[in-house]
């Protein structure tokens, strides 16, 4: 079995056409939104499912197998709503400034995220991220989650870009490893080297 790729590789800045950001833990501050935000929110609305049941239900919804309205109903969360739940999310400090700086260089910006379609749309509209990230690949829309190789292939096909000209910024090691195996360049946000958006900004210079 191949060993995980753990050594970070410096991005080849002159050979990057698209910078792809993960959402939870990168664009937004909560990395484990299921445990940190979703479960507490469900509990506050009367859900009695255990954590594994909630995680499985969320996974199915994040693959587009049910709507968010169906998710709330099946979870038994009385009075829960997309709008109320999404108000619990916060953007990562400094992310908007970094996106604006990258956007000004002309590099294409995109998002590849495991999330429920309705929630992802609400969040990007709420924080104005669609102004900078023009292409959104949400698992609830494309029907596949990272680190499945097909998630990376879908983005390549739809943007018509070759893998080695894409840079992924993700906080999960398994996604960084999968991206590199798919031929992408990749950086792990949240590591000691890249613990903040300012450190990431320095890593991405001279953009």
Protein backbone atom coordinates (compact mmCIF):
# COMPACT_ATOMS: atom_id res chain seq x y z
CA UNK A 1 0.00 0.00 0.00
CA UNK A 2 1.28 3.47 -0.86
CA UNK A 3 2.33 5.56 2.11
CA UNK A 4 0.57 8.91 2.75
CA UNK A 5 2.23 11.94 1.24
CA UNK A 6 3.04 14.15 4.21
CA UNK A 7 5.92 16.32 3.02
CA UNK A 8 4.52 19.66 1.84
CA UNK A 9 5.48 20.70 -1.64
CA UNK A 10 5.99 24.34 -2.55
CA UNK A 11 3.45 25.40 -5.18
CA UNK A 12 4.77 26.13 -8.66
CA UNK A 13 3.22 29.58 -8.82
CA UNK A 14 4.01 30.18 -12.48
CA UNK A 15 2.15 27.00 -13.38
CA UNK A 16 -1.14 27.46 -11.50
CA UNK A 17 -4.33 28.34 -13.33
CA UNK A 18 -6.80 27.66 -10.52
CA UNK A 19 -6.55 27.93 -6.73
CA UNK A 20 -9.17 25.73 -5.08
CA UNK A 21 -10.24 26.29 -1.48
CA UNK A 22 -11.92 23.85 0.86
CA UNK A 23 -14.79 25.38 2.85
CA UNK A 24 -14.99 24.06 6.42
CA UNK A 25 -11.72 24.69 8.21
CA UNK A 26 -10.41 26.94 5.43
CA UNK A 27 -12.98 29.45 4.20
CA UNK A 28 -14.98 29.01 7.40
CA UNK A 29 -13.45 28.72 10.86
CA UNK A 30 -15.17 25.54 12.11
CA UNK A 31 -13.28 22.56 10.70
CA UNK A 32 -15.57 19.85 12.14
CA UNK A 33 -18.95 21.43 11.51
CA UNK A 34 -20.86 18.24 12.29
CA UNK A 35 -19.53 17.86 15.85
CA UNK A 36 -18.94 21.54 16.51
CA UNK A 37 -22.08 23.09 15.04
CA UNK A 38 -24.58 20.65 13.62
CA UNK A 39 -24.98 18.27 16.55
CA UNK A 40 -25.42 21.06 19.15
CA UNK A 41 -27.91 22.81 16.84
CA UNK A 42 -29.91 19.62 16.36
CA UNK A 43 -29.93 18.98 20.12
CA UNK A 44 -31.32 22.48 20.68
CA UNK A 45 -34.21 21.56 18.40
CA UNK A 46 -35.08 18.26 20.03
CA UNK A 47 -33.11 15.75 17.94
CA UNK A 48 -32.46 12.54 19.88
CA UNK A 49 -30.43 10.66 17.26
CA UNK A 50 -26.96 9.61 18.38
CA UNK A 51 -23.82 11.11 16.84
CA UNK A 52 -23.15 8.27 14.32
CA UNK A 53 -26.76 8.45 13.11
CA UNK A 54 -26.49 12.20 12.64
CA UNK A 55 -23.15 11.84 10.84
CA UNK A 56 -24.61 9.26 8.44
CA UNK A 57 -27.69 11.38 7.79
CA UNK A 58 -25.50 14.40 7.13
CA UNK A 59 -23.32 12.38 4.76
CA UNK A 60 -26.35 11.33 2.72
CA UNK A 61 -27.60 14.91 2.57
CA UNK A 62 -24.13 16.15 1.59
CA UNK A 63 -24.21 13.71 -1.32
CA UNK A 64 -27.46 15.18 -2.58
CA UNK A 65 -29.56 12.16 -1.61
CA UNK A 66 -32.05 14.36 0.25
CA UNK A 67 -32.87 18.05 0.61
CA UNK A 68 -31.96 20.05 3.68
CA UNK A 69 -35.68 20.22 4.53
CA UNK A 70 -35.83 16.43 4.50
CA UNK A 71 -32.71 16.31 6.66
CA UNK A 72 -34.27 18.46 9.39
CA UNK A 73 -37.47 16.42 9.28
CA UNK A 74 -35.78 13.01 9.43
CA UNK A 75 -33.49 14.22 12.22
CA UNK A 76 -36.54 15.23 14.24
CA UNK A 77 -35.34 18.82 14.62
CA UNK A 78 -38.53 20.75 15.24
CA UNK A 79 -38.38 24.34 13.97
CA UNK A 80 -34.88 23.99 12.53
CA UNK A 81 -34.08 25.99 9.40
CA UNK A 82 -31.19 26.46 6.99
CA UNK A 83 -31.00 30.18 7.70
CA UNK A 84 -30.86 29.80 11.47
CA UNK A 85 -28.30 27.00 11.35
CA UNK A 86 -26.00 28.83 8.94
CA UNK A 87 -25.87 31.86 11.23
CA UNK A 88 -23.61 29.77 13.48
CA UNK A 89 -20.80 29.73 10.91
CA UNK A 90 -18.03 32.34 10.75
CA UNK A 91 -15.46 33.06 8.04
CA UNK A 92 -11.85 32.34 8.90
CA UNK A 93 -10.05 35.48 9.98
CA UNK A 94 -8.30 37.10 7.04
CA UNK A 95 -9.84 34.90 4.35
CA UNK A 96 -11.77 37.65 2.55
CA UNK A 97 -8.67 39.83 2.31
CA UNK A 98 -6.66 36.91 0.94
CA UNK A 99 -9.33 36.08 -1.65
CA UNK A 100 -9.49 39.71 -2.75
CA UNK A 101 -5.70 39.83 -3.10
CA UNK A 102 -5.59 36.62 -5.14
CA UNK A 103 -8.54 37.69 -7.28
CA UNK A 104 -6.76 40.91 -8.17
CA UNK A 105 -3.91 38.90 -9.72
CA UNK A 106 -6.30 37.30 -12.21
CA UNK A 107 -5.86 33.71 -11.01
CA UNK A 108 -9.08 31.71 -11.09
CA UNK A 109 -10.53 30.86 -7.67
CA UNK A 110 -12.84 27.95 -6.90
CA UNK A 111 -14.22 25.95 -3.98
CA UNK A 112 -14.37 22.16 -3.64
CA UNK A 113 -16.25 21.23 -0.48
CA UNK A 114 -18.12 18.40 1.21
CA UNK A 115 -21.34 20.12 2.23
CA UNK A 116 -25.10 20.28 1.90
CA UNK A 117 -26.03 22.20 -1.23
CA UNK A 118 -28.48 24.61 0.41
CA UNK A 119 -26.13 25.44 3.29
CA UNK A 120 -23.15 26.06 1.02
CA UNK A 121 -25.19 28.49 -1.10
CA UNK A 122 -26.45 30.40 1.94
CA UNK A 123 -22.96 30.73 3.42
CA UNK A 124 -21.25 32.02 0.29
CA UNK A 125 -24.04 34.55 -0.25
CA UNK A 126 -23.99 35.65 3.39
CA UNK A 127 -20.25 36.34 3.42
CA UNK A 128 -19.96 37.59 -0.17
CA UNK A 129 -17.45 34.92 -1.17
CA UNK A 130 -19.05 34.45 -4.58
CA UNK A 131 -17.53 37.78 -5.54
CA UNK A 132 -14.13 36.12 -5.58
CA UNK A 133 -14.74 32.38 -5.93
CA UNK A 134 -16.48 32.02 -9.26
CA UNK A 135 -16.73 28.23 -9.38
CA UNK A 136 -18.29 26.12 -6.61
CA UNK A 137 -18.11 22.33 -6.52
CA UNK A 138 -20.22 21.22 -3.57
CA UNK A 139 -20.65 17.51 -2.86
CA UNK A 140 -24.39 17.99 -2.50
CA UNK A 141 -24.45 19.23 -6.10
CA UNK A 142 -21.90 16.94 -7.75
CA UNK A 143 -22.84 13.78 -5.82
CA UNK A 144 -19.35 12.84 -4.67
CA UNK A 145 -17.23 13.76 -1.65
CA UNK A 146 -13.53 14.28 -1.18
CA UNK A 147 -11.26 12.32 -0.95
CA UNK A 148 -12.97 10.27 -3.68
CA UNK A 149 -10.83 10.73 -6.84
CA UNK A 150 -13.97 11.51 -8.83
CA UNK A 151 -14.44 14.76 -6.88
CA UNK A 152 -11.13 16.04 -8.24
CA UNK A 153 -11.88 14.70 -11.72
CA UNK A 154 -15.23 16.51 -11.86
CA UNK A 155 -13.57 19.86 -11.22
CA UNK A 156 -10.91 19.23 -13.86
CA UNK A 157 -13.52 18.30 -16.46
CA UNK A 158 -15.86 21.18 -15.78
CA UNK A 159 -13.11 23.82 -15.67
CA UNK A 160 -11.22 22.18 -18.54
CA UNK A 161 -7.91 22.45 -16.70
CA UNK A 162 -5.10 19.92 -16.38
CA UNK A 163 -4.51 18.57 -12.83
CA UNK A 164 -0.98 19.84 -12.29
CA UNK A 165 -2.12 23.43 -12.88
CA UNK A 166 -4.49 23.33 -9.90
CA UNK A 167 -3.56 24.18 -6.30
CA UNK A 168 -5.81 22.87 -3.52
CA UNK A 169 -5.82 24.44 -0.06
CA UNK A 170 -7.47 22.03 2.38
CA UNK A 171 -7.27 21.40 6.13
CA UNK A 172 -7.65 17.61 5.98
CA UNK A 173 -4.58 15.48 5.32
CA UNK A 174 -6.56 12.80 3.49
CA UNK A 175 -7.82 15.38 1.00
CA UNK A 176 -4.36 16.84 0.45
CA UNK A 177 -2.99 13.33 -0.16
CA UNK A 178 -5.84 12.49 -2.55
CA UNK A 179 -5.35 15.74 -4.47
CA UNK A 180 -1.65 15.07 -4.95
CA UNK A 181 -2.40 11.54 -6.11
CA UNK A 182 -4.78 13.06 -8.64
CA UNK A 183 -1.90 15.16 -9.95
CA UNK A 184 -2.83 18.41 -8.23
CA UNK A 185 -0.58 20.66 -6.20
CA UNK A 186 -1.85 20.92 -2.62
CA UNK A 187 -1.18 22.68 0.68
CA UNK A 188 -2.56 21.76 4.10
CA UNK A 189 -4.04 24.76 5.88
CA UNK A 190 -4.02 24.54 9.67
CA UNK A 191 -0.60 22.90 9.90
CA UNK A 192 2.12 24.63 11.91
CA UNK A 193 3.49 26.14 8.69
CA UNK A 194 0.11 27.39 7.55
CA UNK A 195 -1.81 27.96 10.77
CA UNK A 196 -3.28 31.33 9.73
CA UNK A 197 -4.39 33.13 6.60
CA UNK A 198 -1.43 35.48 6.97
CA UNK A 199 0.99 32.55 6.87
CA UNK A 200 -0.87 31.16 3.86
CA UNK A 201 -0.65 34.56 2.19
CA UNK A 202 3.13 34.57 2.68
CA UNK A 203 3.34 31.03 1.26
CA UNK A 204 1.47 32.10 -1.87
CA UNK A 205 3.62 35.15 -2.62
CA UNK A 206 4.56 36.61 -5.11
CA UNK A 207 0.85 36.55 -6.02
